[in-house]
Each structure stands twice: as structure tokens, then as C-alpha cells.
């Protein structure tokens, strides 16, 4: 009886091992291409172009924050940021020190990377962009030791605005 039980368990273990090995072998060949394609797609979706003044250090710090959070950053230095803002529908009350573009969305000012990602996962129709108006202390790129409460505002071309996220006690 012990021999039959041992043979049964040995056969079962060999079958499970063979099935697992076959699954790994299949996974090792096919999904590598799929994973590479997915990674490429995610990288493309996270490519962001940042328009900033050549003399602004906080804009550079914000770009570094994005890069540290997986964004592929492209910086365009310009002395005419107002033209960029006007071209992309950024009103004075939404304005900050830099303007960025990602997948047709305008990102104005020191918007945290996680808020950009959250918006891109669930975009809202007719939204032109996200903005952190002004330059609040404590926002990414504006780490001065002081932390002001601030809001990330979703805005559209008609001037409508709504609070997308609030940051307090962070």
C-alpha cells in the first residue's frame, strides 16, 4: 500500500512540476514581447513637454520630480511663456511659472506627479488641463521648508474650474 501511495504522490508531483515548467517556458517566450510593448506604451503615455524660463530653478526641480516618478521629460526653454499659456488656454487666474503638455492635457505649475497620473487614468471630458495656480510652498519643486495648503484645479477652455485634488497636512 505504501508503494502505491508513494508512486501516486510521485506521479502527481511530476505532473504538477511539468505543468509549472511548461507554463514558465511559455511565459518566458511570449509575454516578454508583450511586457516590452506595454512598457513602451506606458513610457509614451508618460512623455511630457515642459515649457519654462531658462532662469527658473523651481521649474527644473519640478521636472526632476516628474522624472523621479517615471515621466519622460522634455524641457523647452523659452523667454515667451505667455505665448505658450495663451496658445493652450491658460488664463491669468490659472497661471504659474511653467506650462507642460502631456497627451493633449495642459499641466500648469507645480502639479504633483501622482495627481497627473490619477487624472490620466480617469480623464474628464472637456477638461483643458490641471493647474496649481501661483507657486505655493511645499508643492513639488517648491520645497522650501514651509508647506502651504493648495488645490489642484481642473479647468477648461470656457473658463470653468473645479477642484480636482486638495492638499492639506501633507
N, C-alpha and C. Protein backbone atom coordinates (compact mmCIF):
# COMPACT_ATOMS: atom_id res chain seq x y z
N UNK A 1 0.82 -1.19 0.00
CA UNK A 1 0.00 0.00 0.00
C UNK A 1 0.87 1.25 0.00
N UNK A 2 1.96 1.24 0.81
CA UNK A 2 2.84 2.40 0.86
C UNK A 2 3.49 2.64 -0.48
N UNK A 3 3.83 1.61 -1.22
CA UNK A 3 4.46 1.75 -2.52
C UNK A 3 3.50 2.41 -3.51
N UNK A 4 2.23 1.99 -3.49
CA UNK A 4 1.23 2.57 -4.40
C UNK A 4 1.01 4.05 -4.07
N UNK A 5 0.92 4.39 -2.78
CA UNK A 5 0.72 5.78 -2.35
C UNK A 5 1.91 6.63 -2.75
N UNK A 6 3.12 6.07 -2.52
CA UNK A 6 4.33 6.79 -2.89
C UNK A 6 4.37 7.04 -4.40
N UNK A 7 4.03 6.04 -5.17
CA UNK A 7 4.02 6.16 -6.63
C UNK A 7 2.98 7.19 -7.08
N UNK A 8 1.83 7.19 -6.42
CA UNK A 8 0.77 8.15 -6.75
C UNK A 8 1.25 9.57 -6.49
N UNK A 9 1.82 9.81 -5.31
CA UNK A 9 2.30 11.15 -4.97
C UNK A 9 3.46 11.59 -5.87
N UNK A 10 4.34 10.65 -6.18
CA UNK A 10 5.47 10.95 -7.06
C UNK A 10 4.97 11.33 -8.45
N UNK A 11 4.01 10.58 -8.97
CA UNK A 11 3.43 10.88 -10.29
C UNK A 11 2.72 12.23 -10.29
N UNK A 12 1.97 12.51 -9.24
CA UNK A 12 1.26 13.78 -9.12
C UNK A 12 2.24 14.94 -9.05
N UNK A 13 3.30 14.80 -8.27
CA UNK A 13 4.31 15.85 -8.15
C UNK A 13 5.00 16.09 -9.49
N UNK A 14 5.29 15.02 -10.21
CA UNK A 14 5.94 15.16 -11.51
C UNK A 14 5.02 15.88 -12.50
N UNK A 15 3.72 15.59 -12.45
CA UNK A 15 2.76 16.24 -13.34
C UNK A 15 2.66 17.73 -13.02
N UNK A 16 2.57 18.06 -11.74
CA UNK A 16 2.49 19.47 -11.33
C UNK A 16 3.76 20.21 -11.73
N UNK A 17 4.90 19.56 -11.50
CA UNK A 17 6.18 20.18 -11.86
C UNK A 17 6.25 20.41 -13.37
N UNK A 18 5.86 19.43 -14.16
CA UNK A 18 5.91 19.55 -15.63
C UNK A 18 4.96 20.64 -16.11
N UNK A 19 3.78 20.71 -15.52
CA UNK A 19 2.81 21.75 -15.91
C UNK A 19 3.36 23.14 -15.56
N UNK A 20 3.95 23.25 -14.38
CA UNK A 20 4.53 24.53 -13.98
C UNK A 20 5.69 24.93 -14.86
N UNK A 21 6.54 23.96 -15.18
CA UNK A 21 7.68 24.24 -16.05
C UNK A 21 7.22 24.66 -17.44
N UNK A 22 6.20 23.98 -17.97
CA UNK A 22 5.66 24.33 -19.29
C UNK A 22 5.08 25.74 -19.28
N UNK A 23 4.34 26.08 -18.24
CA UNK A 23 3.77 27.43 -18.12
C UNK A 23 4.87 28.47 -18.08
N UNK A 24 5.92 28.22 -17.31
CA UNK A 24 7.04 29.16 -17.24
C UNK A 24 7.73 29.30 -18.59
N UNK A 25 7.90 28.20 -19.29
CA UNK A 25 8.56 28.24 -20.60
C UNK A 25 7.75 29.05 -21.59
N UNK A 26 6.43 28.86 -21.57
CA UNK A 26 5.57 29.64 -22.47
C UNK A 26 5.62 31.11 -22.08
N UNK A 27 5.52 31.37 -20.76
CA UNK A 27 5.55 32.76 -20.28
C UNK A 27 6.86 33.44 -20.61
N UNK A 28 7.94 32.68 -20.56
CA UNK A 28 9.26 33.27 -20.80
C UNK A 28 9.41 33.74 -22.23
N UNK A 29 8.75 33.10 -23.18
CA UNK A 29 8.90 33.49 -24.58
C UNK A 29 7.92 34.57 -25.00
N UNK A 30 6.65 34.38 -24.77
CA UNK A 30 5.65 35.27 -25.34
C UNK A 30 5.49 36.59 -24.59
N UNK A 31 5.26 36.59 -23.27
CA UNK A 31 5.00 37.85 -22.60
C UNK A 31 6.15 38.83 -22.58
N UNK A 32 7.38 38.40 -22.81
CA UNK A 32 8.48 39.35 -22.84
C UNK A 32 8.18 40.42 -23.89
N UNK A 33 7.72 40.01 -25.05
CA UNK A 33 7.38 40.98 -26.10
C UNK A 33 6.20 41.83 -25.65
N UNK A 34 5.18 41.19 -25.04
CA UNK A 34 4.01 41.94 -24.58
C UNK A 34 4.40 42.92 -23.49
N UNK A 35 5.27 42.47 -22.55
CA UNK A 35 5.69 43.36 -21.47
C UNK A 35 6.50 44.53 -22.03
N UNK A 36 7.33 44.27 -23.02
CA UNK A 36 8.11 45.35 -23.63
C UNK A 36 7.19 46.34 -24.34
N UNK A 37 6.18 45.82 -25.04
CA UNK A 37 5.23 46.69 -25.73
C UNK A 37 4.45 47.52 -24.72
N UNK A 38 4.04 46.90 -23.61
CA UNK A 38 3.31 47.60 -22.57
C UNK A 38 4.18 48.68 -21.94
N UNK A 39 5.42 48.34 -21.63
CA UNK A 39 6.33 49.32 -21.05
C UNK A 39 6.54 50.49 -22.01
N UNK A 40 6.68 50.19 -23.29
CA UNK A 40 6.85 51.23 -24.29
C UNK A 40 5.63 52.13 -24.35
N UNK A 41 4.44 51.52 -24.30
CA UNK A 41 3.20 52.29 -24.34
C UNK A 41 3.11 53.17 -23.10
N UNK A 42 3.40 52.61 -21.92
CA UNK A 42 3.34 53.40 -20.69
C UNK A 42 4.34 54.54 -20.73
N UNK A 43 5.52 54.31 -21.26
CA UNK A 43 6.54 55.35 -21.36
C UNK A 43 6.07 56.46 -22.29
N UNK A 44 5.47 56.09 -23.42
CA UNK A 44 4.98 57.08 -24.37
C UNK A 44 3.89 57.92 -23.73
N UNK A 45 2.99 57.25 -23.00
CA UNK A 45 1.90 57.97 -22.36
C UNK A 45 2.41 58.92 -21.28
N UNK A 46 3.58 58.67 -20.74
CA UNK A 46 4.11 59.49 -19.67
C UNK A 46 5.18 60.47 -20.16
N UNK A 47 5.26 60.68 -21.47
CA UNK A 47 6.19 61.67 -22.01
C UNK A 47 5.55 63.04 -21.88
N UNK A 48 6.25 63.97 -21.26
CA UNK A 48 5.71 65.30 -21.00
C UNK A 48 6.69 66.36 -21.48
N UNK A 49 6.17 67.38 -22.14
CA UNK A 49 6.98 68.50 -22.61
C UNK A 49 6.75 69.69 -21.68
N UNK A 50 7.82 70.23 -21.15
CA UNK A 50 7.76 71.31 -20.16
C UNK A 50 8.33 72.58 -20.77
N UNK A 51 7.53 73.63 -20.80
CA UNK A 51 7.97 74.94 -21.26
C UNK A 51 8.28 75.78 -20.03
N UNK A 52 9.51 76.28 -19.96
CA UNK A 52 9.94 77.03 -18.78
C UNK A 52 10.93 78.11 -19.15
N UNK A 53 11.10 79.05 -18.25
CA UNK A 53 12.11 80.08 -18.41
C UNK A 53 13.48 79.47 -18.18
N UNK A 54 14.49 79.90 -18.93
CA UNK A 54 15.84 79.35 -18.72
C UNK A 54 16.40 79.64 -17.33
N UNK A 55 15.84 80.64 -16.63
CA UNK A 55 16.40 81.07 -15.35
C UNK A 55 15.63 80.54 -14.14
N UNK A 56 14.67 79.66 -14.33
CA UNK A 56 13.82 79.25 -13.21
C UNK A 56 14.28 77.92 -12.62
N UNK A 57 14.74 77.96 -11.39
CA UNK A 57 15.21 76.75 -10.70
C UNK A 57 14.08 75.87 -10.20
N UNK A 58 12.95 76.47 -9.79
CA UNK A 58 11.86 75.64 -9.27
C UNK A 58 11.23 74.83 -10.39
N UNK A 59 11.23 75.36 -11.60
CA UNK A 59 10.70 74.61 -12.75
C UNK A 59 11.57 73.39 -13.02
N UNK A 60 12.87 73.56 -12.91
CA UNK A 60 13.80 72.45 -13.10
C UNK A 60 13.59 71.41 -12.00
N UNK A 61 13.36 71.86 -10.78
CA UNK A 61 13.11 70.93 -9.67
C UNK A 61 11.81 70.15 -9.89
N UNK A 62 10.78 70.82 -10.44
CA UNK A 62 9.52 70.14 -10.73
C UNK A 62 9.74 69.08 -11.82
N UNK A 63 10.52 69.42 -12.84
CA UNK A 63 10.84 68.46 -13.91
C UNK A 63 11.57 67.25 -13.33
N UNK A 64 12.46 67.47 -12.38
CA UNK A 64 13.18 66.37 -11.73
C UNK A 64 12.22 65.51 -10.91
N UNK A 65 11.22 66.14 -10.27
CA UNK A 65 10.18 65.41 -9.54
C UNK A 65 9.42 64.49 -10.49
N UNK A 66 9.07 64.99 -11.66
CA UNK A 66 8.36 64.16 -12.64
C UNK A 66 9.23 63.00 -13.11
N UNK A 67 10.49 63.29 -13.42
CA UNK A 67 11.41 62.24 -13.88
C UNK A 67 11.58 61.16 -12.81
N UNK A 68 11.66 61.57 -11.55
CA UNK A 68 11.80 60.61 -10.45
C UNK A 68 10.54 59.76 -10.29
N UNK A 69 9.42 60.22 -10.85
CA UNK A 69 8.16 59.48 -10.77
C UNK A 69 7.80 58.82 -12.09
N UNK A 70 8.80 58.59 -12.93
CA UNK A 70 8.59 57.79 -14.13
C UNK A 70 8.21 58.52 -15.39
N UNK A 71 8.16 59.84 -15.37
CA UNK A 71 7.84 60.59 -16.57
C UNK A 71 9.09 60.78 -17.42
N UNK A 72 8.89 60.74 -18.72
CA UNK A 72 9.97 61.09 -19.65
C UNK A 72 9.80 62.59 -19.91
N UNK A 73 10.73 63.40 -19.42
CA UNK A 73 10.60 64.85 -19.53
C UNK A 73 11.40 65.40 -20.71
N UNK A 74 10.78 66.35 -21.37
CA UNK A 74 11.44 67.10 -22.45
C UNK A 74 11.27 68.57 -22.08
N UNK A 75 12.37 69.26 -21.89
CA UNK A 75 12.31 70.66 -21.47
C UNK A 75 12.57 71.57 -22.65
N UNK A 76 11.68 72.56 -22.81
CA UNK A 76 11.84 73.58 -23.83
C UNK A 76 11.96 74.91 -23.10
N UNK A 77 13.14 75.51 -23.18
CA UNK A 77 13.34 76.81 -22.53
C UNK A 77 12.90 77.92 -23.47
N UNK A 78 12.15 78.86 -22.91
CA UNK A 78 11.62 79.96 -23.72
C UNK A 78 11.56 81.23 -22.88
N UNK A 79 11.72 82.35 -23.56
CA UNK A 79 11.56 83.65 -22.89
C UNK A 79 10.16 84.20 -23.11
N UNK A 80 9.29 83.43 -23.77
CA UNK A 80 7.93 83.89 -24.05
C UNK A 80 6.90 82.87 -23.57
N UNK A 81 6.87 82.63 -22.28
CA UNK A 81 5.92 81.69 -21.69
C UNK A 81 4.47 82.14 -21.86
N UNK A 82 4.25 83.46 -21.87
CA UNK A 82 2.88 83.94 -22.01
C UNK A 82 2.25 83.47 -23.32
N UNK A 83 3.03 83.43 -24.39
CA UNK A 83 2.51 82.96 -25.68
C UNK A 83 2.12 81.48 -25.58
N UNK A 84 2.92 80.69 -24.89
CA UNK A 84 2.61 79.27 -24.71
C UNK A 84 1.32 79.12 -23.91
N UNK A 85 1.19 79.89 -22.84
CA UNK A 85 -0.01 79.83 -22.00
C UNK A 85 -1.25 80.23 -22.80
N UNK A 86 -1.16 81.32 -23.55
CA UNK A 86 -2.30 81.77 -24.35
C UNK A 86 -2.68 80.73 -25.40
N UNK A 87 -1.70 80.16 -26.05
CA UNK A 87 -1.95 79.16 -27.09
C UNK A 87 -2.70 77.94 -26.54
N UNK A 88 -2.46 77.62 -25.26
CA UNK A 88 -3.05 76.42 -24.67
C UNK A 88 -4.17 76.71 -23.68
N UNK A 89 -4.70 77.93 -23.69
CA UNK A 89 -5.89 78.25 -22.91
C UNK A 89 -5.70 78.42 -21.42
N UNK A 90 -4.49 78.79 -21.00
CA UNK A 90 -4.23 79.02 -19.58
C UNK A 90 -4.55 80.48 -19.27
N UNK A 91 -5.57 80.71 -18.46
CA UNK A 91 -5.96 82.07 -18.08
C UNK A 91 -5.06 82.59 -16.97
N UNK A 92 -5.11 83.89 -16.73
CA UNK A 92 -4.26 84.51 -15.70
C UNK A 92 -4.48 83.89 -14.32
N UNK A 93 -5.74 83.59 -14.00
CA UNK A 93 -6.01 83.05 -12.67
C UNK A 93 -5.54 81.60 -12.50
N UNK A 94 -5.21 80.92 -13.59
CA UNK A 94 -4.69 79.56 -13.53
C UNK A 94 -3.17 79.52 -13.70
N UNK A 95 -2.56 80.64 -14.02
CA UNK A 95 -1.15 80.70 -14.40
C UNK A 95 -0.20 80.44 -13.23
N UNK A 96 0.95 79.88 -13.62
CA UNK A 96 2.06 79.65 -12.71
C UNK A 96 3.34 79.91 -13.49
N UNK A 97 4.45 79.33 -13.06
CA UNK A 97 5.74 79.66 -13.67
C UNK A 97 6.14 78.79 -14.85
N UNK A 98 5.47 77.68 -15.08
CA UNK A 98 5.79 76.85 -16.24
C UNK A 98 4.52 76.18 -16.75
N UNK A 99 4.55 75.75 -18.00
CA UNK A 99 3.42 75.09 -18.65
C UNK A 99 3.95 73.81 -19.29
N UNK A 100 3.21 72.73 -19.10
CA UNK A 100 3.62 71.44 -19.67
C UNK A 100 2.46 70.82 -20.43
N UNK A 101 2.80 69.94 -21.36
CA UNK A 101 1.79 69.26 -22.17
C UNK A 101 2.04 67.75 -22.12
N UNK A 102 0.96 66.99 -21.91
CA UNK A 102 1.03 65.54 -21.93
C UNK A 102 -0.29 65.00 -22.46
N UNK A 103 -0.22 64.24 -23.52
CA UNK A 103 -1.41 63.61 -24.12
C UNK A 103 -2.55 64.61 -24.34
N UNK A 104 -2.23 65.80 -24.81
CA UNK A 104 -3.26 66.80 -25.08
C UNK A 104 -3.75 67.56 -23.85
N UNK A 105 -3.22 67.24 -22.69
CA UNK A 105 -3.60 67.89 -21.45
C UNK A 105 -2.56 68.93 -21.08
N UNK A 106 -3.02 70.10 -20.63
CA UNK A 106 -2.13 71.16 -20.16
C UNK A 106 -1.91 70.97 -18.66
N UNK A 107 -0.67 71.03 -18.24
CA UNK A 107 -0.32 70.97 -16.82
C UNK A 107 0.35 72.30 -16.50
N UNK A 108 -0.30 73.08 -15.67
CA UNK A 108 0.19 74.42 -15.34
C UNK A 108 0.69 74.45 -13.91
N UNK A 109 1.96 74.77 -13.74
CA UNK A 109 2.52 74.92 -12.40
C UNK A 109 2.92 73.62 -11.75
N UNK A 110 3.00 73.66 -10.44
CA UNK A 110 3.61 72.59 -9.64
C UNK A 110 2.62 71.48 -9.27
N UNK A 111 2.00 70.89 -10.27
CA UNK A 111 1.05 69.79 -10.06
C UNK A 111 1.85 68.52 -9.71
N UNK A 112 1.51 67.85 -8.61
CA UNK A 112 2.23 66.63 -8.24
C UNK A 112 2.07 65.53 -9.31
N UNK A 113 3.12 64.75 -9.48
CA UNK A 113 3.11 63.66 -10.46
C UNK A 113 1.95 62.70 -10.22
N UNK A 114 1.69 62.37 -8.96
CA UNK A 114 0.61 61.41 -8.68
C UNK A 114 -0.76 61.96 -9.09
N UNK A 115 -0.94 63.29 -9.05
CA UNK A 115 -2.21 63.87 -9.49
C UNK A 115 -2.33 63.81 -11.01
N UNK A 116 -1.23 64.02 -11.71
CA UNK A 116 -1.24 63.90 -13.17
C UNK A 116 -1.59 62.47 -13.55
N UNK A 117 -0.95 61.50 -12.91
CA UNK A 117 -1.22 60.10 -13.20
C UNK A 117 -2.67 59.74 -12.91
N UNK A 118 -3.19 60.21 -11.77
CA UNK A 118 -4.58 59.93 -11.41
C UNK A 118 -5.53 60.51 -12.45
N UNK A 119 -5.24 61.71 -12.92
CA UNK A 119 -6.11 62.31 -13.94
C UNK A 119 -6.03 61.51 -15.25
N UNK A 120 -4.83 61.14 -15.66
CA UNK A 120 -4.67 60.41 -16.92
C UNK A 120 -5.36 59.04 -16.88
N UNK A 121 -5.47 58.46 -15.69
CA UNK A 121 -6.17 57.18 -15.56
C UNK A 121 -7.68 57.36 -15.72
N UNK A 122 -8.18 58.54 -15.40
CA UNK A 122 -9.62 58.79 -15.46
C UNK A 122 -9.87 60.21 -15.99
N UNK A 123 -9.56 60.46 -17.27
CA UNK A 123 -9.72 61.81 -17.81
C UNK A 123 -11.18 62.24 -17.85
N UNK A 124 -11.39 63.52 -17.64
CA UNK A 124 -12.74 64.08 -17.66
C UNK A 124 -12.97 64.80 -18.99
N UNK A 125 -14.13 64.61 -19.59
CA UNK A 125 -14.40 65.26 -20.87
C UNK A 125 -14.36 66.78 -20.74
N UNK A 126 -13.91 67.41 -21.78
CA UNK A 126 -13.87 68.87 -21.90
C UNK A 126 -12.94 69.55 -20.90
N UNK A 127 -11.99 68.82 -20.34
CA UNK A 127 -11.00 69.44 -19.46
C UNK A 127 -9.79 69.81 -20.29
N UNK A 128 -9.37 71.06 -20.17
CA UNK A 128 -8.19 71.54 -20.88
C UNK A 128 -6.93 71.15 -20.13
N UNK A 129 -6.98 71.28 -18.80
CA UNK A 129 -5.78 71.00 -18.04
C UNK A 129 -5.97 70.99 -16.54
N UNK A 130 -4.84 70.80 -15.87
CA UNK A 130 -4.74 70.85 -14.42
C UNK A 130 -3.78 71.97 -14.06
N UNK A 131 -4.09 72.67 -12.98
CA UNK A 131 -3.24 73.77 -12.56
C UNK A 131 -3.11 73.84 -11.05
N UNK A 132 -1.92 74.23 -10.61
CA UNK A 132 -1.71 74.70 -9.25
C UNK A 132 -1.34 76.16 -9.45
N UNK A 133 -2.34 77.05 -9.37
CA UNK A 133 -2.07 78.48 -9.62
C UNK A 133 -1.04 79.04 -8.64
N UNK A 134 -0.27 79.99 -9.11
CA UNK A 134 0.76 80.60 -8.27
C UNK A 134 1.90 79.62 -8.03
N UNK A 135 2.53 79.79 -6.91
CA UNK A 135 3.67 78.94 -6.58
C UNK A 135 3.65 78.62 -5.09
N UNK A 136 2.68 77.80 -4.63
CA UNK A 136 2.58 77.50 -3.20
C UNK A 136 3.80 76.77 -2.66
N UNK A 137 4.22 77.15 -1.48
CA UNK A 137 5.32 76.46 -0.80
C UNK A 137 4.90 75.03 -0.48
N UNK A 138 5.83 74.10 -0.67
CA UNK A 138 5.57 72.70 -0.35
C UNK A 138 5.16 71.86 -1.54
N UNK A 139 4.78 72.51 -2.64
CA UNK A 139 4.44 71.75 -3.84
C UNK A 139 5.73 71.18 -4.44
N UNK A 140 5.63 70.13 -5.28
CA UNK A 140 6.84 69.59 -5.89
C UNK A 140 7.62 70.67 -6.65
N UNK A 141 8.87 70.83 -6.30
CA UNK A 141 9.70 71.87 -6.90
C UNK A 141 9.77 73.12 -6.05
N UNK A 142 8.85 73.25 -5.11
CA UNK A 142 8.80 74.42 -4.23
C UNK A 142 8.98 74.00 -2.77
N UNK A 143 9.84 73.03 -2.54
CA UNK A 143 10.10 72.55 -1.19
C UNK A 143 11.03 73.54 -0.49
N UNK A 144 10.43 74.43 0.29
CA UNK A 144 11.19 75.49 0.96
C UNK A 144 11.26 75.30 2.47
N UNK A 145 10.63 74.23 2.97
CA UNK A 145 10.55 74.02 4.40
C UNK A 145 9.18 74.41 4.94
N UNK A 146 8.48 75.26 4.23
CA UNK A 146 7.12 75.65 4.58
C UNK A 146 6.16 74.86 3.69
N UNK A 147 5.01 74.48 4.23
CA UNK A 147 4.03 73.73 3.45
C UNK A 147 2.68 74.44 3.50
N UNK A 148 2.33 75.10 2.40
CA UNK A 148 1.02 75.74 2.28
C UNK A 148 0.00 74.73 1.81
N UNK A 149 -1.25 74.86 2.28
CA UNK A 149 -2.33 74.08 1.71
C UNK A 149 -2.54 74.58 0.28
N UNK A 150 -2.88 73.66 -0.63
CA UNK A 150 -3.13 74.09 -2.01
C UNK A 150 -4.10 73.15 -2.70
N UNK A 151 -4.62 73.61 -3.81
CA UNK A 151 -5.55 72.82 -4.61
C UNK A 151 -5.00 72.63 -6.02
N UNK A 152 -5.31 71.47 -6.59
CA UNK A 152 -5.06 71.22 -7.99
C UNK A 152 -6.41 71.45 -8.67
N UNK A 153 -6.44 72.38 -9.61
CA UNK A 153 -7.68 72.79 -10.26
C UNK A 153 -7.75 72.21 -11.67
N UNK A 154 -8.87 71.59 -12.01
CA UNK A 154 -9.14 71.17 -13.39
C UNK A 154 -9.86 72.35 -14.04
N UNK A 155 -9.41 72.73 -15.24
CA UNK A 155 -10.04 73.87 -15.93
C UNK A 155 -10.30 73.52 -17.38
N UNK A 156 -11.21 74.30 -17.99
CA UNK A 156 -11.47 74.07 -19.41
C UNK A 156 -11.41 75.37 -20.19
N UNK A 157 -11.56 75.29 -21.49
CA UNK A 157 -11.42 76.45 -22.37
C UNK A 157 -12.50 77.50 -22.14
N UNK A 158 -13.63 77.11 -21.55
CA UNK A 158 -14.72 78.06 -21.27
C UNK A 158 -14.54 78.81 -19.96
N UNK A 159 -13.41 78.57 -19.28
CA UNK A 159 -13.15 79.25 -18.01
C UNK A 159 -13.74 78.54 -16.81
N UNK A 160 -14.37 77.41 -17.01
CA UNK A 160 -14.93 76.67 -15.88
C UNK A 160 -13.80 75.98 -15.12
N UNK A 161 -13.96 75.93 -13.80
CA UNK A 161 -12.94 75.35 -12.94
C UNK A 161 -13.60 74.49 -11.88
N UNK A 162 -12.90 73.45 -11.48
CA UNK A 162 -13.34 72.63 -10.35
C UNK A 162 -12.10 72.10 -9.63
N UNK A 163 -12.25 71.84 -8.37
CA UNK A 163 -11.14 71.30 -7.59
C UNK A 163 -10.99 69.82 -7.94
N UNK A 164 -9.81 69.47 -8.40
CA UNK A 164 -9.50 68.07 -8.72
C UNK A 164 -8.97 67.37 -7.47
N UNK A 165 -8.04 68.00 -6.77
CA UNK A 165 -7.47 67.44 -5.55
C UNK A 165 -7.14 68.59 -4.60
N UNK A 166 -7.22 68.31 -3.30
CA UNK A 166 -6.78 69.26 -2.28
C UNK A 166 -5.64 68.65 -1.52
N UNK A 167 -4.67 69.47 -1.19
CA UNK A 167 -3.50 69.01 -0.43
C UNK A 167 -3.41 69.84 0.85
N UNK A 168 -3.71 69.18 1.96
CA UNK A 168 -3.60 69.81 3.29
C UNK A 168 -2.91 68.81 4.21
N UNK A 169 -2.18 69.30 5.14
CA UNK A 169 -1.49 68.44 6.10
C UNK A 169 -0.73 67.30 5.43
N UNK A 170 0.06 67.61 4.43
CA UNK A 170 0.80 66.58 3.70
C UNK A 170 2.24 66.52 4.15
